[in-house]
PDB file of N, CA and C in Angstrom:
ATOM      1  N   MET A   1       0.841  -1.341   0.007  1.00  0.00           N
ATOM      2  CA  MET A   1       0.064   0.087  -0.116  1.00  0.00           C
ATOM      3  C   MET A   1       0.870   1.246   0.042  1.00  0.00           C
ATOM      4  N   ARG A   2       0.448   2.314  -0.676  1.00  0.00           N
ATOM      5  CA  ARG A   2       1.258   3.481  -0.884  1.00  0.00           C
ATOM      6  C   ARG A   2       0.439   4.677  -0.552  1.00  0.00           C
ATOM      7  N   GLU A   3       1.166   5.710   0.155  1.00  0.00           N
ATOM      8  CA  GLU A   3       0.489   6.923   0.456  1.00  0.00           C
ATOM      9  C   GLU A   3       0.038   7.622  -0.984  1.00  0.00           C
ATOM     10  N   VAL A   4      -0.988   8.206  -1.047  1.00  0.00           N
ATOM     11  CA  VAL A   4      -1.428   8.944  -2.134  1.00  0.00           C
ATOM     12  C   VAL A   4      -2.018  10.348  -1.603  1.00  0.00           C
ATOM     13  N   VAL A   5      -1.458  11.326  -2.355  1.00  0.00           N
ATOM     14  CA  VAL A   5      -1.979  12.737  -1.847  1.00  0.00           C
ATOM     15  C   VAL A   5      -2.808  13.239  -3.127  1.00  0.00           C
ATOM     16  N   ILE A   6      -3.951  13.790  -2.814  1.00  0.00           N
ATOM     17  CA  ILE A   6      -5.022  14.345  -3.813  1.00  0.00           C
ATOM     18  C   ILE A   6      -5.248  15.845  -3.402  1.00  0.00           C
ATOM     19  N   TYR A   7      -5.217  16.554  -4.543  1.00  0.00           N
ATOM     20  CA  TYR A   7      -5.323  17.961  -4.187  1.00  0.00           C
ATOM     21  C   TYR A   7      -6.085  18.657  -5.447  1.00  0.00           C
ATOM     22  N   PRO A   8      -6.806  19.645  -5.372  1.00  0.00           N
ATOM     23  CA  PRO A   8      -7.392  20.424  -6.543  1.00  0.00           C
ATOM     24  C   PRO A   8      -6.356  20.908  -7.478  1.00  0.00           C
ATOM     25  N   GLY A   9      -6.664  20.618  -8.730  1.00  0.00           N
ATOM     26  CA  GLY A   9      -5.693  21.258  -9.778  1.00  0.00           C
ATOM     27  C   GLY A   9      -6.552  22.343 -10.493  1.00  0.00           C
ATOM     28  N   GLU A  10      -5.803  22.676 -11.650  1.00  0.00           N
ATOM     29  CA  GLU A  10      -6.579  23.531 -12.727  1.00  0.00           C
ATOM     30  C   GLU A  10      -7.760  23.009 -13.409  1.00  0.00           C
ATOM     31  N   ASP A  11      -8.589  23.881 -13.880  1.00  0.00           N
ATOM     32  CA  ASP A  11      -9.772  23.543 -14.846  1.00  0.00           C
ATOM     33  C   ASP A  11     -10.517  22.533 -14.093  1.00  0.00           C
ATOM     34  N   LYS A  12     -10.900  22.539 -12.574  1.00  0.00           N
ATOM     35  CA  LYS A  12     -11.809  21.605 -12.040  1.00  0.00           C
ATOM     36  C   LYS A  12     -11.167  20.182 -12.065  1.00  0.00           C
ATOM     37  N   TYR A  13      -9.988  19.782 -12.310  1.00  0.00           N
ATOM     38  CA  TYR A  13      -9.454  18.452 -12.184  1.00  0.00           C
ATOM     39  C   TYR A  13      -8.840  18.385 -10.908  1.00  0.00           C
ATOM     40  N   TRP A  14      -8.689  17.011 -10.479  1.00  0.00           N
ATOM     41  CA  TRP A  14      -8.084  16.609  -9.191  1.00  0.00           C
ATOM     42  C   TRP A  14      -6.823  15.969  -9.526  1.00  0.00           C
ATOM     43  N   ILE A  15      -5.607  16.307  -8.692  1.00  0.00           N
ATOM     44  CA  ILE A  15      -4.427  15.874  -9.056  1.00  0.00           C
ATOM     45  C   ILE A  15      -4.249  14.784  -8.014  1.00  0.00           C
ATOM     46  N   ALA A  16      -3.702  13.585  -8.429  1.00  0.00           N
ATOM     47  CA  ALA A  16      -3.325  12.328  -7.406  1.00  0.00           C
ATOM     48  C   ALA A  16      -1.857  12.355  -7.584  1.00  0.00           C
ATOM     49  N   GLU A  17      -0.984  12.190  -6.566  1.00  0.00           N
ATOM     50  CA  GLU A  17       0.412  11.992  -6.541  1.00  0.00           C
ATOM     51  C   GLU A  17       0.720  11.070  -5.505  1.00  0.00           C
ATOM     52  N   CYS A  18       1.852  10.175  -5.852  1.00  0.00           N
ATOM     53  CA  CYS A  18       2.276   9.207  -4.995  1.00  0.00           C
ATOM     54  C   CYS A  18       3.614   9.477  -4.645  1.00  0.00           C
ATOM     55  N   PRO A  19       3.907  10.265  -3.607  1.00  0.00           N
ATOM     56  CA  PRO A  19       5.148  10.780  -3.054  1.00  0.00           C
ATOM     57  C   PRO A  19       6.360   9.759  -2.920  1.00  0.00           C
ATOM     58  N   SER A  20       5.928   8.393  -2.678  1.00  0.00           N
ATOM     59  CA  SER A  20       7.144   7.540  -2.662  1.00  0.00           C
ATOM     60  C   SER A  20       7.684   7.093  -4.169  1.00  0.00           C
ATOM     61  N   LEU A  21       7.053   7.436  -5.003  1.00  0.00           N
ATOM     62  CA  LEU A  21       7.474   7.163  -6.294  1.00  0.00           C
ATOM     63  C   LEU A  21       7.519   8.351  -7.228  1.00  0.00           C
ATOM     64  N   PRO A  22       8.857   8.839  -7.271  1.00  0.00           N
ATOM     65  CA  PRO A  22       8.918  10.166  -7.983  1.00  0.00           C
ATOM     66  C   PRO A  22       8.425  10.303  -9.351  1.00  0.00           C
ATOM     67  N   GLY A  23       7.735  11.255  -9.637  1.00  0.00           N
ATOM     68  CA  GLY A  23       7.099  11.450 -10.745  1.00  0.00           C
ATOM     69  C   GLY A  23       5.770  10.762 -11.181  1.00  0.00           C
ATOM     70  N   CYS A  24       5.261   9.912 -10.117  1.00  0.00           N
ATOM     71  CA  CYS A  24       4.035   9.269 -10.222  1.00  0.00           C
ATOM     72  C   CYS A  24       2.901   9.997  -9.867  1.00  0.00           C
ATOM     73  N   ILE A  25       2.379  10.777 -11.049  1.00  0.00           N
ATOM     74  CA  ILE A  25       1.292  11.538 -10.751  1.00  0.00           C
ATOM     75  C   ILE A  25       0.143  11.441 -11.777  1.00  0.00           C
ATOM     76  N   SER A  26      -1.029  11.484 -11.445  1.00  0.00           N
ATOM     77  CA  SER A  26      -2.206  11.545 -12.298  1.00  0.00           C
ATOM     78  C   SER A  26      -3.377  12.536 -12.033  1.00  0.00           C
ATOM     79  N   GLN A  27      -4.488  12.244 -12.780  1.00  0.00           N
ATOM     80  CA  GLN A  27      -5.403  13.306 -12.489  1.00  0.00           C
ATOM     81  C   GLN A  27      -6.810  12.702 -12.834  1.00  0.00           C
ATOM     82  N   GLY A  28      -7.912  13.322 -12.485  1.00  0.00           N
ATOM     83  CA  GLY A  28      -9.094  13.014 -12.841  1.00  0.00           C
ATOM     84  C   GLY A  28     -10.217  14.101 -12.729  1.00  0.00           C
ATOM     85  N   LYS A  29     -11.309  13.921 -13.366  1.00  0.00           N
ATOM     86  CA  LYS A  29     -12.302  14.964 -13.205  1.00  0.00           C
ATOM     87  C   LYS A  29     -13.071  14.857 -11.756  1.00  0.00           C
ATOM     88  N   SER A  30     -12.968  13.920 -10.948  1.00  0.00           N
ATOM     89  CA  SER A  30     -13.398  13.848  -9.775  1.00  0.00           C
ATOM     90  C   SER A  30     -12.319  13.174  -8.953  1.00  0.00           C
ATOM     91  N   LYS A  31     -12.547  13.334  -7.638  1.00  0.00           N
ATOM     92  CA  LYS A  31     -11.410  12.368  -6.700  1.00  0.00           C
ATOM     93  C   LYS A  31     -11.556  10.940  -7.060  1.00  0.00           C
ATOM     94  N   GLU A  32     -12.587  10.612  -7.112  1.00  0.00           N
ATOM     95  CA  GLU A  32     -12.822   9.102  -7.351  1.00  0.00           C
ATOM     96  C   GLU A  32     -11.901   8.652  -8.631  1.00  0.00           C
ATOM     97  N   GLU A  33     -12.178   9.472  -9.816  1.00  0.00           N
ATOM     98  CA  GLU A  33     -11.449   9.258 -11.036  1.00  0.00           C
ATOM     99  C   GLU A  33      -9.946   9.288 -10.834  1.00  0.00           C
ATOM    100  N   ALA A  34      -9.551  10.441 -10.066  1.00  0.00           N
ATOM    101  CA  ALA A  34      -8.146  10.768  -9.846  1.00  0.00           C
ATOM    102  C   ALA A  34      -7.475   9.266  -9.063  1.00  0.00           C
ATOM    103  N   ILE A  35      -8.268   8.902  -8.143  1.00  0.00           N
ATOM    104  CA  ILE A  35      -7.793   7.699  -7.409  1.00  0.00           C
ATOM    105  C   ILE A  35      -7.709   6.411  -8.199  1.00  0.00           C
ATOM    106  N   ILE A  36      -8.750   6.161  -9.155  1.00  0.00           N
ATOM    107  CA  ILE A  36      -8.582   5.040 -10.056  1.00  0.00           C
ATOM    108  C   ILE A  36      -7.305   5.243 -10.876  1.00  0.00           C
ATOM    109  N   ASN A  37      -7.276   6.562 -11.527  1.00  0.00           N
ATOM    110  CA  ASN A  37      -6.160   6.534 -12.431  1.00  0.00           C
ATOM    111  C   ASN A  37      -4.744   6.492 -11.763  1.00  0.00           C
ATOM    112  N   ILE A  38      -4.499   7.097 -10.468  1.00  0.00           N
ATOM    113  CA  ILE A  38      -3.304   6.765  -9.644  1.00  0.00           C
ATOM    114  C   ILE A  38      -3.035   5.422  -9.448  1.00  0.00           C
ATOM    115  N   LYS A  39      -3.972   4.725  -9.047  1.00  0.00           N
ATOM    116  CA  LYS A  39      -3.770   3.360  -8.910  1.00  0.00           C
ATOM    117  C   LYS A  39      -3.187   2.530 -10.172  1.00  0.00           C
ATOM    118  N   GLU A  40      -3.743   2.782 -11.439  1.00  0.00           N
ATOM    119  CA  GLU A  40      -3.234   2.409 -12.535  1.00  0.00           C
ATOM    120  C   GLU A  40      -1.697   2.895 -12.745  1.00  0.00           C
ATOM    121  N   ALA A  41      -1.529   4.224 -12.547  1.00  0.00           N
ATOM    122  CA  ALA A  41      -0.145   4.720 -12.626  1.00  0.00           C
ATOM    123  C   ALA A  41       0.862   4.063 -11.818  1.00  0.00           C
ATOM    124  N   ILE A  42       0.457   3.823 -10.620  1.00  0.00           N
ATOM    125  CA  ILE A  42       1.350   3.190  -9.615  1.00  0.00           C
ATOM    126  C   ILE A  42       1.812   1.585 -10.081  1.00  0.00           C
ATOM    127  N   ASP A  43       0.663   0.872 -10.587  1.00  0.00           N
ATOM    128  CA  ASP A  43       0.895  -0.306 -11.057  1.00  0.00           C
ATOM    129  C   ASP A  43       1.737  -0.426 -12.302  1.00  0.00           C
ATOM    130  N   LEU A  44       1.525   0.547 -13.165  1.00  0.00           N
ATOM    131  CA  LEU A  44       2.588   0.746 -14.352  1.00  0.00           C
ATOM    132  C   LEU A  44       3.930   1.129 -13.981  1.00  0.00           C
ATOM    133  N   TYR A  45       3.943   1.996 -12.921  1.00  0.00           N
ATOM    134  CA  TYR A  45       5.308   2.402 -12.507  1.00  0.00           C
ATOM    135  C   TYR A  45       6.061   1.476 -11.889  1.00  0.00           C
ATOM    136  N   ILE A  46       5.503   0.569 -10.946  1.00  0.00           N
ATOM    137  CA  ILE A  46       6.109  -0.621 -10.398  1.00  0.00           C
ATOM    138  C   ILE A  46       6.524  -1.746 -11.417  1.00  0.00           C
ATOM    139  N   GLU A  47       5.675  -1.901 -12.299  1.00  0.00           N
ATOM    140  CA  GLU A  47       5.816  -2.896 -13.504  1.00  0.00           C
ATOM    141  C   GLU A  47       7.033  -2.463 -14.227  1.00  0.00           C
ATOM    142  N   THR A  48       7.253  -1.082 -14.502  1.00  0.00           N
ATOM    143  CA  THR A  48       8.290  -0.592 -15.225  1.00  0.00           C
ATOM    144  C   THR A  48       9.650  -0.937 -14.332  1.00  0.00           C
ATOM    145  N   LEU A  49       9.661  -0.682 -13.045  1.00  0.00           N
ATOM    146  CA  LEU A  49      10.834  -0.717 -12.216  1.00  0.00           C
ATOM    147  C   LEU A  49      11.115  -2.389 -12.238  1.00  0.00           C
ATOM    148  N   LYS A  50      10.095  -3.298 -12.199  1.00  0.00           N
ATOM    149  CA  LYS A  50      10.534  -4.714 -12.293  1.00  0.00           C
ATOM    150  C   LYS A  50      11.111  -5.103 -13.634  1.00  0.00           C
ATOM    151  N   ASP A  51      10.679  -4.428 -14.680  1.00  0.00           N
ATOM    152  CA  ASP A  51      11.136  -4.616 -16.072  1.00  0.00           C
ATOM    153  C   ASP A  51      12.525  -4.200 -16.259  1.00  0.00           C
ATOM    154  N   ASP A  52      12.864  -3.206 -15.351  1.00  0.00           N
ATOM    155  CA  ASP A  52      14.170  -2.671 -15.490  1.00  0.00           C
ATOM    156  C   ASP A  52      15.094  -3.309 -14.403  1.00  0.00           C
ATOM    157  N   GLY A  53      14.592  -4.205 -13.638  1.00  0.00           N
ATOM    158  CA  GLY A  53      15.566  -5.053 -12.769  1.00  0.00           C
ATOM    159  C   GLY A  53      15.679  -4.004 -11.335  1.00  0.00           C
ATOM    160  N   LEU A  54      14.809  -3.100 -11.200  1.00  0.00           N
ATOM    161  CA  LEU A  54      14.970  -2.187  -9.924  1.00  0.00           C
ATOM    162  C   LEU A  54      14.092  -2.590  -8.847  1.00  0.00           C
ATOM    163  N   GLN A  55      13.084  -3.500  -9.064  1.00  0.00           N
ATOM    164  CA  GLN A  55      12.215  -3.808  -8.045  1.00  0.00           C
ATOM    165  C   GLN A  55      12.200  -5.287  -7.934  1.00  0.00           C
ATOM    166  N   ASN A  56      12.073  -5.916  -6.758  1.00  0.00           N
ATOM    167  CA  ASN A  56      12.073  -7.305  -6.676  1.00  0.00           C
ATOM    168  C   ASN A  56      10.701  -7.880  -6.567  1.00  0.00           C
ATOM    169  N   ASN A  57       9.804  -7.088  -6.059  1.00  0.00           N
ATOM    170  CA  ASN A  57       8.315  -7.821  -5.849  1.00  0.00           C
ATOM    171  C   ASN A  57       7.464  -7.520  -7.031  1.00  0.00           C
TER     172      ASN A  57
END
């Protein structure tokens, strides 16, 4: 489980950021959509780390 920070952005979008994964940021038109999008971004980020041999799990 990872900490996610959600805050209002521009144009009525919500920004979701995972501080423990540098550059792992997403957005959505609602908080719920931002959460769904950041979960996908985290999964893809970790998958990329694994592919690059930088993550064991």
